[in-house]
N, C-alpha and C. Protein backbone atom coordinates (compact mmCIF):
# COMPACT_ATOMS: atom_id res chain seq x y z
N MET A 1 0.80 -1.20 0.00
CA MET A 1 0.00 0.00 0.00
C MET A 1 0.84 1.25 0.00
N GLY A 2 1.95 1.26 0.71
CA GLY A 2 2.80 2.43 0.72
C GLY A 2 2.53 3.37 1.87
N LYS A 3 2.76 4.64 1.61
CA LYS A 3 2.63 5.66 2.65
C LYS A 3 1.30 6.38 2.54
N ILE A 4 0.72 6.68 3.68
CA ILE A 4 -0.48 7.50 3.76
C ILE A 4 -0.18 8.65 4.71
N ALA A 5 -0.46 9.88 4.26
CA ALA A 5 -0.19 11.06 5.05
C ALA A 5 -1.49 11.63 5.59
N LEU A 6 -1.49 11.98 6.86
CA LEU A 6 -2.65 12.61 7.48
C LEU A 6 -2.47 14.12 7.42
N GLN A 7 -3.45 14.81 6.84
CA GLN A 7 -3.39 16.26 6.74
C GLN A 7 -4.42 16.89 7.66
N LEU A 8 -4.05 18.03 8.22
CA LEU A 8 -4.90 18.78 9.13
C LEU A 8 -5.12 20.17 8.56
N LYS A 9 -6.32 20.70 8.76
CA LYS A 9 -6.62 22.09 8.40
C LYS A 9 -7.32 22.70 9.59
N ALA A 10 -6.85 23.83 10.05
CA ALA A 10 -7.40 24.45 11.25
C ALA A 10 -7.30 25.96 11.16
N THR A 11 -8.09 26.62 11.98
CA THR A 11 -7.97 28.05 12.18
C THR A 11 -7.39 28.25 13.57
N LEU A 12 -6.22 28.82 13.65
CA LEU A 12 -5.57 29.08 14.93
C LEU A 12 -5.72 30.55 15.27
N GLU A 13 -6.16 30.83 16.47
CA GLU A 13 -6.30 32.22 16.92
C GLU A 13 -5.30 32.49 18.03
N ASN A 14 -4.27 33.27 17.73
CA ASN A 14 -3.24 33.66 18.69
C ASN A 14 -2.45 32.49 19.27
N VAL A 15 -2.47 31.34 18.61
CA VAL A 15 -1.64 30.20 19.00
C VAL A 15 -0.91 29.68 17.78
N THR A 16 0.17 28.98 18.02
CA THR A 16 0.96 28.36 16.96
C THR A 16 1.56 27.06 17.49
N ASN A 17 2.25 26.34 16.63
CA ASN A 17 2.96 25.12 17.02
C ASN A 17 2.02 24.08 17.64
N LEU A 18 0.84 23.89 17.04
CA LEU A 18 -0.08 22.84 17.47
C LEU A 18 0.53 21.51 17.07
N ARG A 19 0.72 20.63 18.05
CA ARG A 19 1.46 19.39 17.78
C ARG A 19 1.05 18.29 18.74
N PRO A 20 1.23 17.03 18.31
CA PRO A 20 1.06 15.91 19.24
C PRO A 20 2.27 15.86 20.16
N VAL A 21 2.05 15.47 21.42
CA VAL A 21 3.13 15.50 22.39
C VAL A 21 3.49 14.08 22.85
N GLY A 22 4.75 13.74 22.74
CA GLY A 22 5.30 12.52 23.30
C GLY A 22 5.19 11.28 22.43
N GLU A 23 6.02 10.31 22.75
CA GLU A 23 6.00 9.03 22.05
C GLU A 23 4.76 8.22 22.38
N ASP A 24 4.09 8.56 23.47
CA ASP A 24 2.88 7.82 23.85
C ASP A 24 1.61 8.49 23.33
N PHE A 25 1.76 9.52 22.44
CA PHE A 25 0.60 10.16 21.83
C PHE A 25 -0.20 9.11 21.06
N ARG A 26 -1.51 9.14 21.22
CA ARG A 26 -2.38 8.16 20.58
C ARG A 26 -3.06 8.75 19.35
N TRP A 27 -2.80 8.12 18.19
CA TRP A 27 -3.45 8.47 16.93
C TRP A 27 -4.68 7.57 16.81
N TYR A 28 -5.88 8.14 16.99
CA TYR A 28 -7.12 7.37 16.92
C TYR A 28 -7.58 7.30 15.46
N LEU A 29 -7.67 6.08 14.94
CA LEU A 29 -7.99 5.85 13.54
C LEU A 29 -9.02 4.75 13.39
N LYS A 30 -9.74 4.77 12.28
CA LYS A 30 -10.53 3.63 11.84
C LYS A 30 -9.76 3.06 10.66
N MET A 31 -9.62 1.73 10.65
CA MET A 31 -8.77 1.07 9.66
C MET A 31 -9.59 0.25 8.67
N LYS A 32 -9.04 0.13 7.48
CA LYS A 32 -9.64 -0.68 6.43
C LYS A 32 -8.64 -1.75 6.01
N CYS A 33 -9.11 -2.98 5.88
CA CYS A 33 -8.25 -4.07 5.41
C CYS A 33 -8.04 -3.89 3.91
N GLY A 34 -6.79 -3.87 3.49
CA GLY A 34 -6.46 -3.70 2.08
C GLY A 34 -6.79 -4.92 1.24
N ASN A 35 -7.03 -6.06 1.89
CA ASN A 35 -7.33 -7.29 1.18
C ASN A 35 -8.82 -7.42 0.88
N CYS A 36 -9.67 -7.28 1.89
CA CYS A 36 -11.11 -7.52 1.72
C CYS A 36 -11.96 -6.25 1.83
N GLY A 37 -11.37 -5.15 2.30
CA GLY A 37 -12.10 -3.90 2.40
C GLY A 37 -12.88 -3.71 3.69
N GLU A 38 -12.78 -4.65 4.62
CA GLU A 38 -13.47 -4.55 5.91
C GLU A 38 -12.97 -3.31 6.67
N ILE A 39 -13.90 -2.49 7.18
CA ILE A 39 -13.56 -1.28 7.93
C ILE A 39 -13.89 -1.51 9.40
N SER A 40 -12.96 -1.17 10.28
CA SER A 40 -13.18 -1.35 11.71
C SER A 40 -14.35 -0.49 12.18
N GLU A 41 -15.16 -1.05 13.06
CA GLU A 41 -16.32 -0.33 13.60
C GLU A 41 -15.90 0.61 14.72
N LYS A 42 -14.90 0.22 15.48
CA LYS A 42 -14.46 0.99 16.64
C LYS A 42 -13.19 1.76 16.32
N TRP A 43 -13.00 2.85 17.07
CA TRP A 43 -11.75 3.62 16.96
C TRP A 43 -10.63 2.79 17.56
N GLN A 44 -9.50 2.76 16.89
CA GLN A 44 -8.32 2.07 17.38
C GLN A 44 -7.20 3.11 17.44
N TYR A 45 -6.30 2.93 18.39
CA TYR A 45 -5.20 3.87 18.44
C TYR A 45 -3.88 3.16 18.20
N ILE A 46 -2.97 3.92 17.62
CA ILE A 46 -1.60 3.46 17.49
C ILE A 46 -0.72 4.55 18.07
N ARG A 47 0.43 4.15 18.58
CA ARG A 47 1.35 5.13 19.14
C ARG A 47 2.77 4.74 18.82
N LEU A 48 3.64 5.71 18.96
CA LEU A 48 5.03 5.57 18.58
C LEU A 48 5.86 4.81 19.62
N MET A 49 5.45 4.89 20.86
CA MET A 49 6.22 4.33 21.97
C MET A 49 6.71 2.91 21.67
N VAL A 50 7.98 2.70 21.88
CA VAL A 50 8.58 1.39 21.61
C VAL A 50 8.76 0.65 22.93
N THR A 51 8.23 -0.55 22.98
CA THR A 51 8.39 -1.42 24.14
C THR A 51 8.84 -2.78 23.64
N ALA A 52 9.11 -3.67 24.56
CA ALA A 52 9.45 -5.03 24.16
C ALA A 52 8.26 -5.64 23.43
N PRO A 53 8.48 -6.23 22.24
CA PRO A 53 7.36 -6.78 21.48
C PRO A 53 6.68 -7.91 22.22
N PRO A 54 5.34 -7.96 22.18
CA PRO A 54 4.62 -9.04 22.82
C PRO A 54 4.86 -10.35 22.06
N THR A 55 4.61 -11.46 22.73
CA THR A 55 4.84 -12.75 22.10
C THR A 55 3.68 -13.19 21.22
N THR A 56 2.51 -12.63 21.42
CA THR A 56 1.37 -13.00 20.58
C THR A 56 0.78 -11.75 19.95
N VAL A 57 0.17 -11.95 18.81
CA VAL A 57 -0.48 -10.85 18.09
C VAL A 57 -1.97 -10.95 18.35
N SER A 58 -2.57 -9.85 18.77
CA SER A 58 -4.02 -9.84 19.01
C SER A 58 -4.66 -8.77 18.15
N THR A 59 -5.97 -8.66 18.25
CA THR A 59 -6.67 -7.64 17.48
C THR A 59 -6.62 -6.30 18.19
N GLN A 60 -6.06 -6.24 19.38
CA GLN A 60 -5.93 -4.98 20.11
C GLN A 60 -4.65 -4.27 19.68
N THR A 61 -4.66 -2.97 19.82
CA THR A 61 -3.50 -2.16 19.46
C THR A 61 -2.34 -2.47 20.40
N GLN A 62 -1.17 -2.60 19.84
CA GLN A 62 0.04 -2.87 20.61
C GLN A 62 1.08 -1.80 20.30
N ASP A 63 2.08 -1.69 21.14
CA ASP A 63 3.19 -0.79 20.90
C ASP A 63 4.33 -1.59 20.29
N SER A 64 4.75 -1.27 19.09
CA SER A 64 5.84 -1.94 18.40
C SER A 64 5.71 -3.45 18.45
N VAL A 65 4.94 -3.99 17.55
CA VAL A 65 4.65 -5.41 17.49
C VAL A 65 5.55 -6.06 16.44
N ALA A 66 6.11 -7.23 16.78
CA ALA A 66 6.97 -7.95 15.85
C ALA A 66 6.13 -8.52 14.71
N LEU A 67 6.67 -8.43 13.48
CA LEU A 67 6.00 -9.00 12.32
C LEU A 67 6.40 -10.46 12.16
N LYS A 68 5.52 -11.26 11.57
CA LYS A 68 5.82 -12.68 11.33
C LYS A 68 7.04 -12.81 10.43
N GLY A 69 7.79 -13.84 10.66
CA GLY A 69 8.95 -14.12 9.82
C GLY A 69 10.14 -13.22 10.07
N GLY A 70 10.15 -12.51 11.21
CA GLY A 70 11.28 -11.66 11.55
C GLY A 70 11.48 -10.49 10.60
N ARG A 71 10.38 -9.96 10.04
CA ARG A 71 10.48 -8.86 9.07
C ARG A 71 10.42 -7.51 9.75
N GLY A 72 10.84 -7.41 10.99
CA GLY A 72 10.83 -6.14 11.70
C GLY A 72 9.64 -6.00 12.61
N SER A 73 9.21 -4.76 12.83
CA SER A 73 8.09 -4.50 13.72
C SER A 73 7.24 -3.37 13.15
N ALA A 74 6.07 -3.17 13.75
CA ALA A 74 5.17 -2.12 13.31
C ALA A 74 4.46 -1.55 14.53
N SER A 75 3.87 -0.37 14.36
CA SER A 75 3.11 0.24 15.45
C SER A 75 1.85 -0.56 15.75
N MET A 76 1.28 -1.21 14.74
CA MET A 76 0.10 -2.06 14.92
C MET A 76 0.17 -3.23 13.96
N VAL A 77 -0.07 -4.41 14.48
CA VAL A 77 -0.24 -5.61 13.67
C VAL A 77 -1.60 -6.16 14.04
N GLN A 78 -2.41 -6.44 13.02
CA GLN A 78 -3.79 -6.82 13.29
C GLN A 78 -4.23 -7.88 12.28
N LYS A 79 -4.95 -8.86 12.81
CA LYS A 79 -5.53 -9.88 11.96
C LYS A 79 -6.96 -9.46 11.63
N CYS A 80 -7.29 -9.42 10.35
CA CYS A 80 -8.63 -9.00 9.91
C CYS A 80 -9.67 -10.02 10.37
N LYS A 81 -10.77 -9.51 10.94
CA LYS A 81 -11.85 -10.39 11.42
C LYS A 81 -12.55 -11.09 10.26
N LEU A 82 -12.58 -10.47 9.09
CA LEU A 82 -13.31 -11.03 7.97
C LEU A 82 -12.49 -12.02 7.15
N CYS A 83 -11.29 -11.61 6.72
CA CYS A 83 -10.50 -12.47 5.82
C CYS A 83 -9.31 -13.15 6.51
N SER A 84 -9.06 -12.84 7.77
CA SER A 84 -7.98 -13.43 8.58
C SER A 84 -6.58 -13.07 8.11
N ARG A 85 -6.45 -12.11 7.25
CA ARG A 85 -5.12 -11.69 6.79
C ARG A 85 -4.46 -10.82 7.87
N GLU A 86 -3.17 -11.02 8.08
CA GLU A 86 -2.42 -10.19 9.03
C GLU A 86 -1.90 -8.95 8.32
N ASN A 87 -2.27 -7.78 8.83
CA ASN A 87 -1.90 -6.50 8.25
C ASN A 87 -1.16 -5.68 9.29
N SER A 88 -0.44 -4.64 8.83
CA SER A 88 0.28 -3.79 9.78
C SER A 88 0.34 -2.35 9.29
N ILE A 89 0.65 -1.46 10.25
CA ILE A 89 0.82 -0.04 9.97
C ILE A 89 1.90 0.49 10.91
N GLU A 90 2.75 1.37 10.40
CA GLU A 90 3.85 1.93 11.18
C GLU A 90 3.79 3.45 11.13
N ILE A 91 3.94 4.11 12.26
CA ILE A 91 4.03 5.57 12.30
C ILE A 91 5.46 5.93 11.90
N LEU A 92 5.61 6.81 10.94
CA LEU A 92 6.94 7.27 10.52
C LEU A 92 7.30 8.49 11.37
N SER A 93 8.05 8.27 12.43
CA SER A 93 8.32 9.31 13.43
C SER A 93 8.98 10.55 12.84
N SER A 94 9.79 10.39 11.82
CA SER A 94 10.48 11.54 11.23
C SER A 94 9.53 12.47 10.47
N THR A 95 8.29 12.04 10.25
CA THR A 95 7.34 12.85 9.48
C THR A 95 6.38 13.64 10.36
N ILE A 96 6.44 13.49 11.67
CA ILE A 96 5.52 14.20 12.56
C ILE A 96 5.89 15.68 12.56
N LYS A 97 4.91 16.52 12.22
CA LYS A 97 5.12 17.96 12.10
C LYS A 97 4.08 18.71 12.93
N SER A 98 4.41 19.95 13.28
CA SER A 98 3.46 20.80 13.99
C SER A 98 2.69 21.64 12.97
N TYR A 99 1.52 22.10 13.39
CA TYR A 99 0.69 23.00 12.58
C TYR A 99 0.89 24.39 13.15
N ASN A 100 1.40 25.31 12.33
CA ASN A 100 1.81 26.63 12.80
C ASN A 100 0.88 27.74 12.32
N ALA A 101 1.04 28.91 12.88
CA ALA A 101 0.22 30.06 12.53
C ALA A 101 0.27 30.34 11.02
N GLU A 102 1.43 30.17 10.40
CA GLU A 102 1.54 30.43 8.96
C GLU A 102 0.83 29.36 8.11
N ASP A 103 0.44 28.24 8.72
CA ASP A 103 -0.31 27.19 8.03
C ASP A 103 -1.82 27.43 8.13
N ASN A 104 -2.22 28.47 8.84
CA ASN A 104 -3.63 28.75 9.13
C ASN A 104 -4.53 28.59 7.92
N GLU A 105 -5.58 27.78 8.08
CA GLU A 105 -6.61 27.50 7.08
C GLU A 105 -6.06 26.89 5.80
N LYS A 106 -4.94 26.17 5.90
CA LYS A 106 -4.37 25.42 4.79
C LYS A 106 -4.21 23.97 5.25
N PHE A 107 -4.29 23.05 4.32
CA PHE A 107 -4.01 21.67 4.66
C PHE A 107 -2.51 21.47 4.79
N LYS A 108 -2.11 20.77 5.84
CA LYS A 108 -0.70 20.48 6.07
C LYS A 108 -0.58 19.04 6.58
N THR A 109 0.38 18.31 6.05
CA THR A 109 0.64 16.96 6.52
C THR A 109 1.26 17.03 7.91
N ILE A 110 0.65 16.33 8.88
CA ILE A 110 1.19 16.33 10.23
C ILE A 110 1.82 14.99 10.63
N VAL A 111 1.55 13.93 9.85
CA VAL A 111 2.17 12.63 10.11
C VAL A 111 1.97 11.73 8.88
N GLU A 112 2.89 10.80 8.69
CA GLU A 112 2.74 9.79 7.64
C GLU A 112 2.81 8.41 8.27
N PHE A 113 2.10 7.47 7.64
CA PHE A 113 2.07 6.08 8.09
C PHE A 113 2.54 5.19 6.95
N GLU A 114 3.36 4.19 7.28
CA GLU A 114 3.75 3.15 6.33
C GLU A 114 2.71 2.05 6.46
N CYS A 115 1.95 1.81 5.41
CA CYS A 115 0.82 0.88 5.47
C CYS A 115 1.13 -0.41 4.73
N ARG A 116 0.93 -1.51 5.42
CA ARG A 116 1.10 -2.84 4.82
C ARG A 116 -0.18 -3.62 5.08
N GLY A 117 -1.20 -3.33 4.29
CA GLY A 117 -2.48 -4.03 4.43
C GLY A 117 -3.52 -3.29 5.23
N LEU A 118 -3.13 -2.40 6.12
CA LEU A 118 -4.07 -1.58 6.88
C LEU A 118 -4.04 -0.16 6.33
N GLU A 119 -5.22 0.41 6.05
CA GLU A 119 -5.29 1.76 5.54
C GLU A 119 -6.19 2.59 6.44
N PRO A 120 -5.68 3.70 7.01
CA PRO A 120 -6.55 4.55 7.81
C PRO A 120 -7.59 5.21 6.91
N VAL A 121 -8.86 5.18 7.35
CA VAL A 121 -9.94 5.79 6.58
C VAL A 121 -10.63 6.91 7.34
N ASP A 122 -10.33 7.07 8.63
CA ASP A 122 -10.90 8.15 9.42
C ASP A 122 -9.97 8.43 10.59
N PHE A 123 -9.96 9.68 11.04
CA PHE A 123 -9.11 10.12 12.13
C PHE A 123 -9.94 10.89 13.12
N GLN A 124 -9.72 10.63 14.41
CA GLN A 124 -10.42 11.35 15.47
C GLN A 124 -9.38 11.97 16.40
N PRO A 125 -9.14 13.28 16.27
CA PRO A 125 -8.19 13.92 17.19
C PRO A 125 -8.76 13.93 18.60
N GLN A 126 -7.91 13.64 19.55
CA GLN A 126 -8.35 13.63 20.95
C GLN A 126 -7.35 14.40 21.79
N ALA A 127 -7.11 13.96 23.00
CA ALA A 127 -6.21 14.65 23.93
C ALA A 127 -4.75 14.39 23.55
N GLY A 128 -3.88 15.24 24.12
CA GLY A 128 -2.46 15.03 23.94
C GLY A 128 -1.79 16.02 23.02
N PHE A 129 -2.52 17.01 22.55
CA PHE A 129 -1.91 18.06 21.73
C PHE A 129 -1.42 19.19 22.62
N ALA A 130 -0.49 19.97 22.11
CA ALA A 130 0.00 21.17 22.79
C ALA A 130 0.12 22.28 21.76
N ALA A 131 0.13 23.52 22.23
CA ALA A 131 0.31 24.69 21.37
C ALA A 131 0.94 25.79 22.21
N GLU A 132 1.34 26.87 21.54
CA GLU A 132 1.98 27.99 22.23
C GLU A 132 1.31 29.30 21.82
N GLY A 133 1.24 30.24 22.74
CA GLY A 133 0.74 31.57 22.43
C GLY A 133 1.68 32.25 21.45
N VAL A 134 1.13 32.90 20.44
CA VAL A 134 1.94 33.55 19.41
C VAL A 134 2.83 34.63 20.00
N GLU A 135 2.25 35.54 20.78
CA GLU A 135 3.03 36.66 21.32
C GLU A 135 3.67 36.33 22.66
N SER A 136 2.96 35.62 23.50
CA SER A 136 3.44 35.38 24.86
C SER A 136 4.36 34.18 24.99
N GLY A 137 4.23 33.21 24.08
CA GLY A 137 4.99 31.98 24.21
C GLY A 137 4.44 31.04 25.25
N THR A 138 3.29 31.38 25.85
CA THR A 138 2.66 30.53 26.85
C THR A 138 2.36 29.16 26.25
N VAL A 139 2.74 28.10 26.94
CA VAL A 139 2.51 26.74 26.46
C VAL A 139 1.18 26.24 26.98
N PHE A 140 0.34 25.77 26.07
CA PHE A 140 -0.93 25.13 26.42
C PHE A 140 -0.74 23.64 26.20
N SER A 141 -0.80 22.88 27.28
CA SER A 141 -0.55 21.45 27.16
C SER A 141 -1.83 20.66 27.35
N ASP A 142 -1.80 19.42 26.91
CA ASP A 142 -2.92 18.48 27.00
C ASP A 142 -4.21 19.06 26.42
N ILE A 143 -4.12 19.61 25.21
CA ILE A 143 -5.29 20.12 24.51
C ILE A 143 -6.05 18.93 23.93
N ASN A 144 -7.35 18.90 24.17
CA ASN A 144 -8.21 17.83 23.65
C ASN A 144 -8.96 18.38 22.44
N LEU A 145 -8.65 17.88 21.26
CA LEU A 145 -9.28 18.35 20.03
C LEU A 145 -10.54 17.57 19.68
N GLN A 146 -10.95 16.65 20.53
CA GLN A 146 -12.14 15.85 20.24
C GLN A 146 -13.39 16.73 20.15
N GLU A 147 -13.39 17.84 20.84
CA GLU A 147 -14.54 18.73 20.81
C GLU A 147 -14.65 19.47 19.48
N LYS A 148 -13.65 19.38 18.63
CA LYS A 148 -13.56 20.02 17.33
C LYS A 148 -13.31 21.52 17.41
N VAL A 149 -13.76 22.18 18.43
CA VAL A 149 -13.47 23.60 18.63
C VAL A 149 -12.96 23.74 20.06
N GLN A 150 -11.75 24.21 20.19
CA GLN A 150 -11.16 24.36 21.51
C GLN A 150 -11.08 25.84 21.84
N ASP A 151 -11.76 26.24 22.89
CA ASP A 151 -11.70 27.63 23.35
C ASP A 151 -10.82 27.64 24.59
N LEU A 152 -9.67 28.23 24.47
CA LEU A 152 -8.72 28.26 25.58
C LEU A 152 -8.83 29.57 26.35
N ALA A 153 -9.99 30.21 26.27
CA ALA A 153 -10.17 31.52 26.89
C ALA A 153 -10.06 31.48 28.40
N GLY A 154 -10.20 30.33 29.00
CA GLY A 154 -10.04 30.23 30.45
C GLY A 154 -8.67 30.68 30.91
N LEU A 155 -7.73 30.65 30.00
CA LEU A 155 -6.37 31.08 30.32
C LEU A 155 -6.12 32.50 29.87
N TRP A 156 -7.17 33.22 29.49
CA TRP A 156 -7.05 34.56 28.94
C TRP A 156 -6.28 35.49 29.86
N GLY A 157 -6.54 35.43 31.16
CA GLY A 157 -5.87 36.32 32.10
C GLY A 157 -4.36 36.17 32.09
N ALA A 158 -3.89 34.99 31.81
CA ALA A 158 -2.45 34.75 31.81
C ALA A 158 -1.77 35.34 30.59
N ILE A 159 -2.49 35.42 29.47
CA ILE A 159 -1.82 35.89 28.26
C ILE A 159 -2.43 37.15 27.68
N GLN A 160 -3.56 37.61 28.22
CA GLN A 160 -4.21 38.85 27.79
C GLN A 160 -4.71 38.81 26.34
N HIS A 161 -4.86 37.65 25.74
CA HIS A 161 -5.39 37.53 24.39
C HIS A 161 -6.29 36.29 24.34
N LEU A 162 -7.37 36.39 23.59
CA LEU A 162 -8.22 35.24 23.37
C LEU A 162 -7.49 34.31 22.41
N VAL A 163 -7.44 33.05 22.75
CA VAL A 163 -6.79 32.07 21.89
C VAL A 163 -7.77 30.96 21.59
N GLY A 164 -7.58 30.27 20.50
CA GLY A 164 -8.46 29.17 20.18
C GLY A 164 -7.97 28.37 18.99
N ILE A 165 -8.56 27.20 18.82
CA ILE A 165 -8.24 26.30 17.72
C ILE A 165 -9.56 25.81 17.17
N ILE A 166 -9.75 25.96 15.88
CA ILE A 166 -10.96 25.45 15.24
C ILE A 166 -10.52 24.52 14.12
N LEU A 167 -10.94 23.25 14.18
CA LEU A 167 -10.63 22.31 13.13
C LEU A 167 -11.67 22.42 12.04
N LEU A 168 -11.23 22.43 10.79
CA LEU A 168 -12.12 22.60 9.65
C LEU A 168 -12.32 21.27 8.93
N VAL A 169 -13.26 21.25 8.00
CA VAL A 169 -13.55 20.03 7.25
C VAL A 169 -12.42 19.70 6.30
N ASN A 170 -12.49 18.52 5.73
CA ASN A 170 -11.39 18.03 4.91
C ASN A 170 -11.61 18.22 3.43
N LYS A 171 -10.59 17.88 2.68
CA LYS A 171 -10.71 17.77 1.23
C LYS A 171 -10.66 16.29 0.89
N ALA A 172 -10.95 15.97 -0.33
CA ALA A 172 -11.02 14.57 -0.76
C ALA A 172 -9.65 13.90 -0.71
N LEU A 173 -9.70 12.59 -0.67
CA LEU A 173 -8.49 11.78 -0.71
C LEU A 173 -7.74 12.08 -2.00
N GLN A 174 -6.44 12.29 -1.91
CA GLN A 174 -5.63 12.57 -3.09
C GLN A 174 -4.63 11.44 -3.27
N ARG A 175 -4.53 10.97 -4.47
CA ARG A 175 -3.56 9.91 -4.75
C ARG A 175 -2.61 10.40 -5.83
N ASP A 176 -1.34 10.10 -5.64
CA ASP A 176 -0.36 10.38 -6.68
C ASP A 176 0.59 9.20 -6.76
N ALA A 177 1.59 9.30 -7.59
CA ALA A 177 2.49 8.17 -7.82
C ALA A 177 3.30 7.80 -6.58
N GLY A 178 3.64 8.79 -5.75
CA GLY A 178 4.52 8.52 -4.62
C GLY A 178 3.82 8.05 -3.36
N SER A 179 2.73 8.70 -2.98
CA SER A 179 2.07 8.35 -1.74
C SER A 179 0.63 8.82 -1.78
N THR A 180 -0.10 8.48 -0.76
CA THR A 180 -1.49 8.88 -0.64
C THR A 180 -1.58 9.96 0.43
N LEU A 181 -2.31 11.01 0.16
CA LEU A 181 -2.54 12.05 1.13
C LEU A 181 -3.99 11.97 1.59
N CYS A 182 -4.19 11.86 2.88
CA CYS A 182 -5.54 11.78 3.42
C CYS A 182 -5.79 12.98 4.31
N ALA A 183 -6.93 13.59 4.13
CA ALA A 183 -7.37 14.63 5.03
C ALA A 183 -8.74 14.18 5.51
N PHE A 184 -8.88 13.92 6.79
CA PHE A 184 -10.08 13.30 7.30
C PHE A 184 -11.09 14.30 7.81
N CYS A 185 -12.37 13.94 7.73
CA CYS A 185 -13.48 14.76 8.26
C CYS A 185 -13.61 14.55 9.76
N TRP A 186 -14.12 15.54 10.41
CA TRP A 186 -14.52 15.42 11.80
C TRP A 186 -15.99 15.68 11.84
């Protein structure tokens, strides 16, 4: 399948450097089996954190799971409930980027995934994001984007400016010769 890039489009008000924080940041996705087309009903998360690989592969999300035949590891290895094919997906850590004030209201790739049989078809941003005040440099940590509109005005007194993050709708899936770019709806 190759690489799939997740793109974000947002309106940032007096904040910049919106980013996922830490190796344990959870990317909540719905996955599609590349073999039979089965789409997961529930949100599943994958994360970058590397731990000792488990000895068995389950349908639950794992941290750095060993692939069959000693072919390395992946952020998630999953057996499809419908066709029983083992698929995997890996977060490409070097591709994780922040969304900045200059990216305002533009689509920007914030992460890429190496897909081997699993294809993300939907994304649900949740907790674990951080951002900074444009003028003050105040750090806002543990921002939960699940609400789709984050009003950080409760901290207004500390920075003397209203700040906020508004996530916008997506554009269609784009495919080119090198990789797939996905921008998901909320």
